[in-house]
Amino acid sequence: MSRDVVIAGFGTVGRAVARAISVSAPDKVRIVGVAKSTGCLFDASGLDVSDLLARHEAGTLQEAPVWCEWDVPHLLDEARASVLMDATPTDITTGEPGLTNILHGIGLGMDVVAATKGPFVAAFTRVMEAAREKGVEVRYEATVAGAVPVFSMARSCMRGDRVLSVDGILNGTSNYILSKMEETGASFDLILAKAQELGYAEADPTADVEGGDAAAKLVILANTFFGGRWSYEDVARVGISAVTPEALELARDEGFTIKLLASASPEGLEVRPQLVPRGSALAVPGVLNAVRFRMERAKELVLIGRGAGGDETAAAMLNDLLTLPERA
């Protein structure tokens, strides 16, 4: 059975999702709507993804015959699709615009696959309760650690166990900076500038280097595994801007490295630089992410992979989409 989907957000991730669907699941998924902040494209018979991507490159999306000046809720009303895939920019304080999109889609009886973090930081319980009331699925694998199947593993492989705590490296930018500082002996400011040049860090890197991005992801993990009562304000947070090459060298001499670790348990949440043994599974280099579960029975499970990027995020979203239960 083919699913009709709407993609909200047509930036790097939204385009990667459209491309992944057209390549890997054209017989299972039909994209009927795509929304940007300025309007949307809608065709109930299915959009031509190749044409959309070509028009995006040429800057002519708004000249397409299927262009409509609707917002996302209006598009969802018209499309009556079965799944909303939300890849809009995130605001962890308000959850918008994804929160409005997701709640509207749920209200229409749509399943949701999300990459936007905000709704699950600002309003996790509200979203999940709305989904339960409507009997729909909400999946958000792509919100934490990119392509690393954190929630998919929990859903499929951890149902016979209990998570006692979870920690790890949840921000590739900060991990890249610390790795390169240790490798080269260069200063934080110098490596940050290099990360910005390579596109790993934003022009304003505050959320990455001061732990805000990792804290938001940690809240989603805590809300999933320890009950949906956690907020961004619950996270004790220290960033990496004060870490020096000398501190990294001293740690290395003692058999350690320094990583920005995000840690959650039922007792509390924190993000801060910590000493990690160099042989630890969490001593991953570069832009990699690592998530470690401490389990009641299985003891310790660690997942490692790429935590960002259009294709990586699209892979997580497509898996969420293709594993949704079929509906009559």
C-alpha atoms as a PDB file:
ATOM      1  CA  MET A   1       0.000   0.000   0.000  1.00  0.00           C
ATOM      2  CA  SER A   2       1.392   3.385  -1.001  1.00  0.00           C
ATOM      3  CA  ARG A   3       1.457   6.170   1.579  1.00  0.00           C
ATOM      4  CA  ASP A   4       0.733   9.782   0.668  1.00  0.00           C
ATOM      5  CA  VAL A   5       3.083  12.117   2.547  1.00  0.00           C
ATOM      6  CA  VAL A   6       3.614  15.827   3.017  1.00  0.00           C
ATOM      7  CA  ILE A   7       7.120  17.146   3.720  1.00  0.00           C
ATOM      8  CA  ALA A   8       7.184  20.332   5.814  1.00  0.00           C
ATOM      9  CA  GLY A   9      10.498  22.079   5.297  1.00  0.00           C
ATOM     10  CA  PHE A  10      12.462  21.927   2.049  1.00  0.00           C
ATOM     11  CA  GLY A  11      15.924  22.797   3.266  1.00  0.00           C
ATOM     12  CA  THR A  12      18.891  20.423   3.261  1.00  0.00           C
ATOM     13  CA  VAL A  13      17.024  17.726   5.202  1.00  0.00           C
ATOM     14  CA  GLY A  14      13.679  18.099   3.421  1.00  0.00           C
ATOM     15  CA  ARG A  15      15.316  17.827   0.012  1.00  0.00           C
ATOM     16  CA  ALA A  16      17.363  14.818   1.147  1.00  0.00           C
ATOM     17  CA  VAL A  17      14.168  13.146   2.366  1.00  0.00           C
ATOM     18  CA  ALA A  18      12.428  13.761  -0.959  1.00  0.00           C
ATOM     19  CA  ARG A  19      15.428  12.416  -2.841  1.00  0.00           C
ATOM     20  CA  ALA A  20      15.673   9.329  -0.600  1.00  0.00           C
ATOM     21  CA  ILE A  21      11.975   8.544  -1.089  1.00  0.00           C
ATOM     22  CA  SER A  22      12.218   8.900  -4.861  1.00  0.00           C
ATOM     23  CA  VAL A  23      15.236   6.572  -5.004  1.00  0.00           C
ATOM     24  CA  SER A  24      14.462   3.992  -2.306  1.00  0.00           C
ATOM     25  CA  ALA A  25      10.684   3.857  -1.965  1.00  0.00           C
ATOM     26  CA  PRO A  26       8.933   5.222  -5.062  1.00  0.00           C
ATOM     27  CA  ASP A  27       6.483   2.315  -5.079  1.00  0.00           C
ATOM     28  CA  LYS A  28       5.665   2.677  -1.382  1.00  0.00           C
ATOM     29  CA  VAL A  29       5.523   6.433  -0.868  1.00  0.00           C
ATOM     30  CA  ARG A  30       3.961   9.249  -2.873  1.00  0.00           C
ATOM     31  CA  ILE A  31       4.911  12.826  -2.018  1.00  0.00           C
ATOM     32  CA  VAL A  32       1.803  14.949  -2.548  1.00  0.00           C
ATOM     33  CA  GLY A  33       2.938  18.131  -0.816  1.00  0.00           C
ATOM     34  CA  VAL A  34       6.095  20.033   0.038  1.00  0.00           C
ATOM     35  CA  ALA A  35       6.073  23.179   2.169  1.00  0.00           C
ATOM     36  CA  LYS A  36       8.531  26.035   2.486  1.00  0.00           C
ATOM     37  CA  SER A  37       8.270  29.098   4.690  1.00  0.00           C
ATOM     38  CA  THR A  38       7.054  31.098   1.670  1.00  0.00           C
ATOM     39  CA  GLY A  39       4.421  28.683   0.387  1.00  0.00           C
ATOM     40  CA  CYS A  40       4.025  25.122  -0.810  1.00  0.00           C
ATOM     41  CA  LEU A  41       3.690  22.756  -3.749  1.00  0.00           C
ATOM     42  CA  PHE A  42       0.730  20.414  -3.917  1.00  0.00           C
ATOM     43  CA  ASP A  43      -0.426  17.762  -6.374  1.00  0.00           C
ATOM     44  CA  ALA A  44      -2.829  15.077  -5.173  1.00  0.00           C
ATOM     45  CA  SER A  45      -1.547  12.726  -7.879  1.00  0.00           C
ATOM     46  CA  GLY A  46       2.050  13.042  -6.660  1.00  0.00           C
ATOM     47  CA  LEU A  47       4.828  15.575  -7.142  1.00  0.00           C
ATOM     48  CA  ASP A  48       7.723  15.076  -9.529  1.00  0.00           C
ATOM     49  CA  VAL A  49      10.717  15.069  -7.172  1.00  0.00           C
ATOM     50  CA  SER A  50      13.288  15.493  -9.941  1.00  0.00           C
ATOM     51  CA  ASP A  51      11.456  18.597 -11.123  1.00  0.00           C
ATOM     52  CA  LEU A  52      11.238  19.979  -7.582  1.00  0.00           C
ATOM     53  CA  LEU A  53      14.953  19.526  -6.970  1.00  0.00           C
ATOM     54  CA  ALA A  54      15.847  21.043 -10.348  1.00  0.00           C
ATOM     55  CA  ARG A  55      13.579  24.011  -9.709  1.00  0.00           C
ATOM     56  CA  HIS A  56      15.117  24.484  -6.276  1.00  0.00           C
ATOM     57  CA  GLU A  57      18.593  24.616  -7.794  1.00  0.00           C
ATOM     58  CA  ALA A  58      17.387  27.109 -10.390  1.00  0.00           C
ATOM     59  CA  GLY A  59      15.473  29.196  -7.843  1.00  0.00           C
ATOM     60  CA  THR A  60      12.190  28.743  -9.719  1.00  0.00           C
ATOM     61  CA  LEU A  61      10.080  26.719  -7.254  1.00  0.00           C
ATOM     62  CA  GLN A  62       7.507  29.498  -7.034  1.00  0.00           C
ATOM     63  CA  GLU A  63       7.037  29.369 -10.809  1.00  0.00           C
ATOM     64  CA  ALA A  64       5.886  25.736 -10.697  1.00  0.00           C
ATOM     65  CA  PRO A  65       2.253  25.263 -11.780  1.00  0.00           C
ATOM     66  CA  VAL A  66       1.526  23.435  -8.508  1.00  0.00           C
ATOM     67  CA  TRP A  67       2.785  26.310  -6.317  1.00  0.00           C
ATOM     68  CA  CYS A  68       0.305  27.515  -3.671  1.00  0.00           C
ATOM     69  CA  GLU A  69       0.634  30.330  -1.164  1.00  0.00           C
ATOM     70  CA  TRP A  70      -0.599  28.220   1.747  1.00  0.00           C
ATOM     71  CA  ASP A  71       0.883  27.597   5.160  1.00  0.00           C
ATOM     72  CA  VAL A  72       1.494  24.057   6.389  1.00  0.00           C
ATOM     73  CA  PRO A  73      -1.850  23.552   8.199  1.00  0.00           C
ATOM     74  CA  HIS A  74      -3.722  24.665   5.053  1.00  0.00           C
ATOM     75  CA  LEU A  75      -1.658  22.268   2.959  1.00  0.00           C
ATOM     76  CA  LEU A  76      -2.409  19.421   5.376  1.00  0.00           C
ATOM     77  CA  ASP A  77      -6.129  20.224   5.198  1.00  0.00           C
ATOM     78  CA  GLU A  78      -6.064  20.082   1.414  1.00  0.00           C
ATOM     79  CA  ALA A  79      -3.742  17.095   1.013  1.00  0.00           C
ATOM     80  CA  ARG A  80      -5.420  14.719   3.474  1.00  0.00           C
ATOM     81  CA  ALA A  81      -2.221  12.672   3.356  1.00  0.00           C
ATOM     82  CA  SER A  82      -1.489   9.815   5.724  1.00  0.00           C
ATOM     83  CA  VAL A  83       1.906  11.033   7.006  1.00  0.00           C
ATOM     84  CA  LEU A  84       3.458  14.388   7.862  1.00  0.00           C
ATOM     85  CA  MET A  85       7.256  14.474   7.653  1.00  0.00           C
ATOM     86  CA  ASP A  86       8.397  17.595   9.487  1.00  0.00           C
ATOM     87  CA  ALA A  87      11.896  18.885   8.734  1.00  0.00           C
ATOM     88  CA  THR A  88      11.288  22.537   9.619  1.00  0.00           C
ATOM     89  CA  PRO A  89      13.787  24.656  11.589  1.00  0.00           C
ATOM     90  CA  THR A  90      13.477  24.230  15.337  1.00  0.00           C
ATOM     91  CA  ASP A  91      12.874  26.551  18.266  1.00  0.00           C
ATOM     92  CA  ILE A  92      13.425  24.688  21.526  1.00  0.00           C
ATOM     93  CA  THR A  93      11.597  27.358  23.546  1.00  0.00           C
ATOM     94  CA  THR A  94       8.300  27.445  21.640  1.00  0.00           C
ATOM     95  CA  GLY A  95       8.585  24.251  19.581  1.00  0.00           C
ATOM     96  CA  GLU A  96       7.481  26.224  16.529  1.00  0.00           C
ATOM     97  CA  PRO A  97       6.789  25.985  13.676  1.00  0.00           C
ATOM     98  CA  GLY A  98       6.932  22.207  14.020  1.00  0.00           C
ATOM     99  CA  LEU A  99       4.645  22.053  17.057  1.00  0.00           C
ATOM    100  CA  THR A 100       1.722  23.671  15.227  1.00  0.00           C
ATOM    101  CA  ASN A 101       2.347  21.518  12.144  1.00  0.00           C
ATOM    102  CA  ILE A 102       2.552  18.287  14.126  1.00  0.00           C
ATOM    103  CA  LEU A 103      -0.499  18.935  16.301  1.00  0.00           C
ATOM    104  CA  HIS A 104      -2.520  19.903  13.225  1.00  0.00           C
ATOM    105  CA  GLY A 105      -1.441  16.738  11.430  1.00  0.00           C
ATOM    106  CA  ILE A 106      -2.287  14.597  14.448  1.00  0.00           C
ATOM    107  CA  GLY A 107      -5.682  16.282  14.642  1.00  0.00           C
ATOM    108  CA  LEU A 108      -6.325  15.170  11.058  1.00  0.00           C
ATOM    109  CA  GLY A 109      -5.415  11.596  11.960  1.00  0.00           C
ATOM    110  CA  MET A 110      -1.983  11.693  10.317  1.00  0.00           C
ATOM    111  CA  ASP A 111       1.055   9.767  11.504  1.00  0.00           C
ATOM    112  CA  VAL A 112       4.086  11.982  12.058  1.00  0.00           C
ATOM    113  CA  VAL A 113       7.785  11.518  11.303  1.00  0.00           C
ATOM    114  CA  ALA A 114       9.864  14.412  12.606  1.00  0.00           C
ATOM    115  CA  ALA A 115      13.393  15.738  12.445  1.00  0.00           C
ATOM    116  CA  THR A 116      12.622  19.008  14.220  1.00  0.00           C
ATOM    117  CA  LYS A 117      13.622  18.883  17.902  1.00  0.00           C
ATOM    118  CA  GLY A 118      11.585  21.762  19.279  1.00  0.00           C
ATOM    119  CA  PRO A 119       8.195  20.067  19.769  1.00  0.00           C
ATOM    120  CA  PHE A 120       9.786  17.210  21.705  1.00  0.00           C
ATOM    121  CA  VAL A 121      11.730  19.566  23.955  1.00  0.00           C
ATOM    122  CA  ALA A 122       9.012  22.161  24.562  1.00  0.00           C
ATOM    123  CA  ALA A 123       5.877  20.005  24.488  1.00  0.00           C
ATOM    124  CA  PHE A 124       6.724  16.290  24.534  1.00  0.00           C
ATOM    125  CA  THR A 125       3.798  15.213  26.725  1.00  0.00           C
ATOM    126  CA  ARG A 126       1.311  17.352  24.809  1.00  0.00           C
ATOM    127  CA  VAL A 127       2.349  15.860  21.474  1.00  0.00           C
ATOM    128  CA  MET A 128       2.371  12.260  22.660  1.00  0.00           C
ATOM    129  CA  GLU A 129      -0.956  12.556  24.472  1.00  0.00           C
ATOM    130  CA  ALA A 130      -2.536  14.059  21.341  1.00  0.00           C
ATOM    131  CA  ALA A 131      -1.181  11.142  19.310  1.00  0.00           C
ATOM    132  CA  ARG A 132      -2.558   8.596  21.772  1.00  0.00           C
ATOM    133  CA  GLU A 133      -5.983  10.223  21.718  1.00  0.00           C
ATOM    134  CA  LYS A 134      -6.105  10.076  17.900  1.00  0.00           C
ATOM    135  CA  GLY A 135      -4.537   6.618  17.672  1.00  0.00           C
ATOM    136  CA  VAL A 136      -1.661   7.735  15.448  1.00  0.00           C
ATOM    137  CA  GLU A 137       2.105   7.217  15.537  1.00  0.00           C
ATOM    138  CA  VAL A 138       4.674   9.949  16.207  1.00  0.00           C
ATOM    139  CA  ARG A 139       8.283   9.030  15.459  1.00  0.00           C
ATOM    140  CA  TYR A 140      11.299  11.258  15.915  1.00  0.00           C
ATOM    141  CA  GLU A 141      14.430   9.170  15.357  1.00  0.00           C
ATOM    142  CA  ALA A 142      16.126  11.993  13.461  1.00  0.00           C
ATOM    143  CA  THR A 143      15.910  14.434  16.380  1.00  0.00           C
ATOM    144  CA  VAL A 144      18.785  12.792  18.281  1.00  0.00           C
ATOM    145  CA  ALA A 145      22.110  11.597  16.829  1.00  0.00           C
ATOM    146  CA  GLY A 146      21.077  11.722  13.165  1.00  0.00           C
ATOM    147  CA  ALA A 147      21.405   8.331  11.513  1.00  0.00           C
ATOM    148  CA  VAL A 148      22.129   6.516  14.790  1.00  0.00           C
ATOM    149  CA  PRO A 149      19.028   4.330  15.442  1.00  0.00           C
ATOM    150  CA  VAL A 150      18.578   5.221  19.109  1.00  0.00           C
ATOM    151  CA  PHE A 151      14.793   5.066  19.338  1.00  0.00           C
ATOM    152  CA  SER A 152      14.409   2.370  16.693  1.00  0.00           C
ATOM    153  CA  MET A 153      16.626   0.065  18.729  1.00  0.00           C
ATOM    154  CA  ALA A 154      14.678   0.874  21.873  1.00  0.00           C
ATOM    155  CA  ARG A 155      11.372   0.218  20.133  1.00  0.00           C
ATOM    156  CA  SER A 156      12.470  -3.060  18.536  1.00  0.00           C
ATOM    157  CA  CYS A 157      15.217  -4.523  20.709  1.00  0.00           C
ATOM    158  CA  MET A 158      14.954  -3.198  24.266  1.00  0.00           C
ATOM    159  CA  ARG A 159      11.355  -3.955  25.221  1.00  0.00           C
ATOM    160  CA  GLY A 160      12.421  -6.747  27.571  1.00  0.00           C
ATOM    161  CA  ASP A 161      14.754  -4.525  29.535  1.00  0.00           C
ATOM    162  CA  ARG A 162      14.824  -1.247  31.456  1.00  0.00           C
ATOM    163  CA  VAL A 163      17.051   1.763  30.784  1.00  0.00           C
ATOM    164  CA  LEU A 164      18.796   2.888  33.958  1.00  0.00           C
ATOM    165  CA  SER A 165      20.719   5.779  32.414  1.00  0.00           C
ATOM    166  CA  VAL A 166      21.837   7.093  29.047  1.00  0.00           C
ATOM    167  CA  ASP A 167      24.814   9.235  28.155  1.00  0.00           C
ATOM    168  CA  GLY A 168      27.009  10.059  25.222  1.00  0.00           C
ATOM    169  CA  ILE A 169      28.270  12.515  22.672  1.00  0.00           C
ATOM    170  CA  LEU A 170      25.274  14.179  21.057  1.00  0.00           C
ATOM    171  CA  ASN A 171      26.876  17.092  19.210  1.00  0.00           C
ATOM    172  CA  GLY A 172      29.307  16.483  16.368  1.00  0.00           C
ATOM    173  CA  THR A 173      30.543  20.072  16.179  1.00  0.00           C
ATOM    174  CA  SER A 174      31.835  20.147  19.742  1.00  0.00           C
ATOM    175  CA  ASN A 175      33.314  16.681  19.309  1.00  0.00           C
ATOM    176  CA  TYR A 176      35.148  17.784  16.162  1.00  0.00           C
ATOM    177  CA  ILE A 177      36.555  20.828  17.944  1.00  0.00           C
ATOM    178  CA  LEU A 178      37.812  18.861  20.949  1.00  0.00           C
ATOM    179  CA  SER A 179      39.254  16.125  18.713  1.00  0.00           C
ATOM    180  CA  LYS A 180      41.152  18.612  16.547  1.00  0.00           C
ATOM    181  CA  MET A 181      42.384  20.593  19.548  1.00  0.00           C
ATOM    182  CA  GLU A 182      43.815  17.394  21.013  1.00  0.00           C
ATOM    183  CA  GLU A 183      45.286  16.304  17.688  1.00  0.00           C
ATOM    184  CA  THR A 184      46.913  19.610  16.742  1.00  0.00           C
ATOM    185  CA  GLY A 185      47.427  21.457  20.022  1.00  0.00           C
ATOM    186  CA  ALA A 186      45.671  24.471  18.511  1.00  0.00           C
ATOM    187  CA  SER A 187      43.403  26.794  20.476  1.00  0.00           C
ATOM    188  CA  PHE A 188      39.624  26.579  20.759  1.00  0.00           C
ATOM    189  CA  ASP A 189      39.161  29.760  18.714  1.00  0.00           C
ATOM    190  CA  LEU A 190      41.388  28.523  15.887  1.00  0.00           C
ATOM    191  CA  ILE A 191      39.678  25.141  15.585  1.00  0.00           C
ATOM    192  CA  LEU A 192      36.231  26.737  15.854  1.00  0.00           C
ATOM    193  CA  ALA A 193      37.085  28.963  12.888  1.00  0.00           C
ATOM    194  CA  LYS A 194      38.187  25.866  10.951  1.00  0.00           C
ATOM    195  CA  ALA A 195      34.937  24.090  11.854  1.00  0.00           C
ATOM    196  CA  GLN A 196      32.969  27.064  10.548  1.00  0.00           C
ATOM    197  CA  GLU A 197      35.017  27.068   7.353  1.00  0.00           C
ATOM    198  CA  LEU A 198      34.224  23.372   6.816  1.00  0.00           C
ATOM    199  CA  GLY A 199      30.535  23.864   7.545  1.00  0.00           C
ATOM    200  CA  TYR A 200      30.551  21.848  10.782  1.00  0.00           C
ATOM    201  CA  ALA A 201      29.800  24.923  12.892  1.00  0.00           C
ATOM    202  CA  GLU A 202      27.256  27.686  12.311  1.00  0.00           C
ATOM    203  CA  ALA A 203      28.175  31.361  12.062  1.00  0.00           C
ATOM    204  CA  ASP A 204      26.742  31.591  15.588  1.00  0.00           C
ATOM    205  CA  PRO A 205      28.073  28.390  17.181  1.00  0.00           C
ATOM    206  CA  THR A 206      26.687  29.047  20.666  1.00  0.00           C
ATOM    207  CA  ALA A 207      24.173  26.189  20.711  1.00  0.00           C
ATOM    208  CA  ASP A 208      26.887  23.703  19.753  1.00  0.00           C
ATOM    209  CA  VAL A 209      29.861  24.810  21.827  1.00  0.00           C
ATOM    210  CA  GLU A 210      27.938  25.864  24.946  1.00  0.00           C
ATOM    211  CA  GLY A 211      26.000  22.611  25.109  1.00  0.00           C
ATOM    212  CA  GLY A 212      22.552  23.875  24.127  1.00  0.00           C
ATOM    213  CA  ASP A 213      22.076  21.493  21.209  1.00  0.00           C
ATOM    214  CA  ALA A 214      23.226  18.504  23.249  1.00  0.00           C
ATOM    215  CA  ALA A 215      20.945  19.579  26.101  1.00  0.00           C
ATOM    216  CA  ALA A 216      17.913  19.685  23.804  1.00  0.00           C
ATOM    217  CA  LYS A 217      18.647  16.183  22.537  1.00  0.00           C
ATOM    218  CA  LEU A 218      19.204  14.975  26.093  1.00  0.00           C
ATOM    219  CA  VAL A 219      15.747  16.240  27.067  1.00  0.00           C
ATOM    220  CA  ILE A 220      14.220  14.168  24.248  1.00  0.00           C
ATOM    221  CA  LEU A 221      16.100  11.091  25.446  1.00  0.00           C
ATOM    222  CA  ALA A 222      15.007  11.675  29.043  1.00  0.00           C
ATOM    223  CA  ASN A 223      11.388  12.285  28.061  1.00  0.00           C
ATOM    224  CA  THR A 224      11.406   9.042  26.092  1.00  0.00           C
ATOM    225  CA  PHE A 225      13.079   6.785  28.626  1.00  0.00           C
ATOM    226  CA  PHE A 226      12.308   8.397  31.990  1.00  0.00           C
ATOM    227  CA  GLY A 227       8.838   9.869  31.506  1.00  0.00           C
ATOM    228  CA  GLY A 228       7.833  13.052  29.699  1.00  0.00           C
ATOM    229  CA  ARG A 229       8.386  15.478  32.570  1.00  0.00           C
ATOM    230  CA  TRP A 230      11.751  16.950  31.593  1.00  0.00           C
ATOM    231  CA  SER A 231      12.374  20.404  30.139  1.00  0.00           C
ATOM    232  CA  TYR A 232      15.366  22.271  28.766  1.00  0.00           C
ATOM    233  CA  GLU A 233      15.645  24.197  32.050  1.00  0.00           C
ATOM    234  CA  ASP A 234      16.225  20.913  33.895  1.00  0.00           C
ATOM    235  CA  VAL A 235      19.618  20.405  32.223  1.00  0.00           C
ATOM    236  CA  ALA A 236      22.727  21.508  34.145  1.00  0.00           C
ATOM    237  CA  ARG A 237      24.957  22.727  31.339  1.00  0.00           C
ATOM    238  CA  VAL A 238      28.623  23.666  30.811  1.00  0.00           C
ATOM    239  CA  GLY A 239      30.119  24.123  27.334  1.00  0.00           C
ATOM    240  CA  ILE A 240      33.579  23.546  25.897  1.00  0.00           C
ATOM    241  CA  SER A 241      34.786  27.112  25.262  1.00  0.00           C
ATOM    242  CA  ALA A 242      36.949  27.054  28.409  1.00  0.00           C
ATOM    243  CA  VAL A 243      38.709  23.776  27.486  1.00  0.00           C
ATOM    244  CA  THR A 244      42.375  24.459  26.667  1.00  0.00           C
ATOM    245  CA  PRO A 245      44.987  22.539  24.674  1.00  0.00           C
ATOM    246  CA  GLU A 246      46.931  22.213  27.911  1.00  0.00           C
ATOM    247  CA  ALA A 247      44.001  20.485  29.615  1.00  0.00           C
ATOM    248  CA  LEU A 248      43.674  18.079  26.697  1.00  0.00           C
ATOM    249  CA  GLU A 249      47.409  17.337  26.786  1.00  0.00           C
ATOM    250  CA  LEU A 250      47.333  16.669  30.525  1.00  0.00           C
ATOM    251  CA  ALA A 251      44.341  14.357  30.086  1.00  0.00           C
ATOM    252  CA  ARG A 252      46.105  12.478  27.293  1.00  0.00           C
ATOM    253  CA  ASP A 253      49.192  11.977  29.457  1.00  0.00           C
ATOM    254  CA  GLU A 254      46.964  10.330  32.066  1.00  0.00           C
ATOM    255  CA  GLY A 255      45.241   8.049  29.534  1.00  0.00           C
ATOM    256  CA  PHE A 256      42.116  10.156  29.047  1.00  0.00           C
ATOM    257  CA  THR A 257      40.512  12.447  26.523  1.00  0.00           C
ATOM    258  CA  ILE A 258      37.981  15.213  27.154  1.00  0.00           C
ATOM    259  CA  LYS A 259      34.520  14.955  25.626  1.00  0.00           C
ATOM    260  CA  LEU A 260      31.336  16.977  25.961  1.00  0.00           C
ATOM    261  CA  LEU A 261      29.110  14.319  27.531  1.00  0.00           C
ATOM    262  CA  ALA A 262      25.359  14.539  27.893  1.00  0.00           C
ATOM    263  CA  SER A 263      24.072  12.338  30.718  1.00  0.00           C
ATOM    264  CA  ALA A 264      20.526  11.487  31.820  1.00  0.00           C
ATOM    265  CA  SER A 265      19.043   9.315  34.535  1.00  0.00           C
ATOM    266  CA  PRO A 266      15.835   9.513  36.578  1.00  0.00           C
ATOM    267  CA  GLU A 267      17.850  11.581  39.049  1.00  0.00           C
ATOM    268  CA  GLY A 268      18.796  14.394  36.661  1.00  0.00           C
ATOM    269  CA  LEU A 269      20.288  15.683  33.414  1.00  0.00           C
ATOM    270  CA  GLU A 270      23.621  17.359  32.683  1.00  0.00           C
ATOM    271  CA  VAL A 271      25.869  18.348  29.807  1.00  0.00           C
ATOM    272  CA  ARG A 272      29.514  19.128  30.577  1.00  0.00           C
ATOM    273  CA  PRO A 273      33.085  18.325  29.512  1.00  0.00           C
ATOM    274  CA  GLN A 274      34.275  15.138  31.182  1.00  0.00           C
ATOM    275  CA  LEU A 275      37.335  12.923  31.249  1.00  0.00           C
ATOM    276  CA  VAL A 276      36.772   9.788  29.162  1.00  0.00           C
ATOM    277  CA  PRO A 277      39.233   6.862  29.134  1.00  0.00           C
ATOM    278  CA  ARG A 278      40.940   6.720  25.750  1.00  0.00           C
ATOM    279  CA  GLY A 279      39.843   3.106  25.273  1.00  0.00           C
ATOM    280  CA  SER A 280      36.201   3.874  26.011  1.00  0.00           C
ATOM    281  CA  ALA A 281      33.504   3.399  23.388  1.00  0.00           C
ATOM    282  CA  LEU A 282      32.675   7.070  23.951  1.00  0.00           C
ATOM    283  CA  ALA A 283      36.147   8.232  22.904  1.00  0.00           C
ATOM    284  CA  VAL A 284      34.977   8.671  19.306  1.00  0.00           C
ATOM    285  CA  PRO A 285      36.766  11.176  17.063  1.00  0.00           C
ATOM    286  CA  GLY A 286      35.634  13.933  14.737  1.00  0.00           C
ATOM    287  CA  VAL A 287      31.957  14.580  14.084  1.00  0.00           C
ATOM    288  CA  LEU A 288      30.788  11.153  15.259  1.00  0.00           C
ATOM    289  CA  ASN A 289      28.088  10.747  17.888  1.00  0.00           C
ATOM    290  CA  ALA A 290      27.927   7.960  20.469  1.00  0.00           C
ATOM    291  CA  VAL A 291      25.018   6.978  22.711  1.00  0.00           C
ATOM    292  CA  ARG A 292      25.495   4.597  25.651  1.00  0.00           C
ATOM    293  CA  PHE A 293      22.647   2.880  27.455  1.00  0.00           C
ATOM    294  CA  ARG A 294      23.087   1.319  30.872  1.00  0.00           C
ATOM    295  CA  MET A 295      20.482  -1.415  31.125  1.00  0.00           C
ATOM    296  CA  GLU A 296      19.090  -3.468  33.970  1.00  0.00           C
ATOM    297  CA  ARG A 297      19.727  -6.808  32.201  1.00  0.00           C
ATOM    298  CA  ALA A 298      21.832  -6.139  29.110  1.00  0.00           C
ATOM    299  CA  LYS A 299      24.193  -3.943  31.175  1.00  0.00           C
ATOM    300  CA  GLU A 300      25.754  -1.677  28.512  1.00  0.00           C
ATOM    301  CA  LEU A 301      24.858  -0.970  24.886  1.00  0.00           C
ATOM    302  CA  VAL A 302      26.634   1.624  22.731  1.00  0.00           C
ATOM    303  CA  LEU A 303      25.598   3.006  19.347  1.00  0.00           C
ATOM    304  CA  ILE A 304      28.054   5.046  17.247  1.00  0.00           C
ATOM    305  CA  GLY A 305      27.487   6.891  13.993  1.00  0.00           C
ATOM    306  CA  ARG A 306      27.128  10.164  12.142  1.00  0.00           C
ATOM    307  CA  GLY A 307      24.908  12.572  14.026  1.00  0.00           C
ATOM    308  CA  ALA A 308      24.148  15.162  11.365  1.00  0.00           C
ATOM    309  CA  GLY A 309      23.895  15.775   7.637  1.00  0.00           C
ATOM    310  CA  GLY A 310      21.073  15.747   5.126  1.00  0.00           C
ATOM    311  CA  ASP A 311      21.490  12.178   3.923  1.00  0.00           C
ATOM    312  CA  GLU A 312      22.053  10.806   7.422  1.00  0.00           C
ATOM    313  CA  THR A 313      18.966  12.530   8.794  1.00  0.00           C
ATOM    314  CA  ALA A 314      16.934  11.465   5.770  1.00  0.00           C
ATOM    315  CA  ALA A 315      17.951   7.849   6.405  1.00  0.00           C
ATOM    316  CA  ALA A 316      16.522   8.034   9.925  1.00  0.00           C
ATOM    317  CA  MET A 317      13.306   9.667   8.720  1.00  0.00           C
ATOM    318  CA  LEU A 318      12.821   7.183   5.895  1.00  0.00           C
ATOM    319  CA  ASN A 319      13.271   4.263   8.280  1.00  0.00           C
ATOM    320  CA  ASP A 320      10.672   5.766  10.606  1.00  0.00           C
ATOM    321  CA  LEU A 321       8.315   6.185   7.669  1.00  0.00           C
ATOM    322  CA  LEU A 322       8.754   2.698   6.248  1.00  0.00           C
ATOM    323  CA  THR A 323       8.291   1.005   9.631  1.00  0.00           C
ATOM    324  CA  LEU A 324       5.038   2.770  10.489  1.00  0.00           C
ATOM    325  CA  PRO A 325       2.196   0.290  10.955  1.00  0.00           C
ATOM    326  CA  GLU A 326      -0.045   0.002   7.927  1.00  0.00           C
ATOM    327  CA  ARG A 327      -3.574   1.251   8.337  1.00  0.00           C
ATOM    328  CA  ALA A 328      -6.696  -0.026   6.659  1.00  0.00           C
END
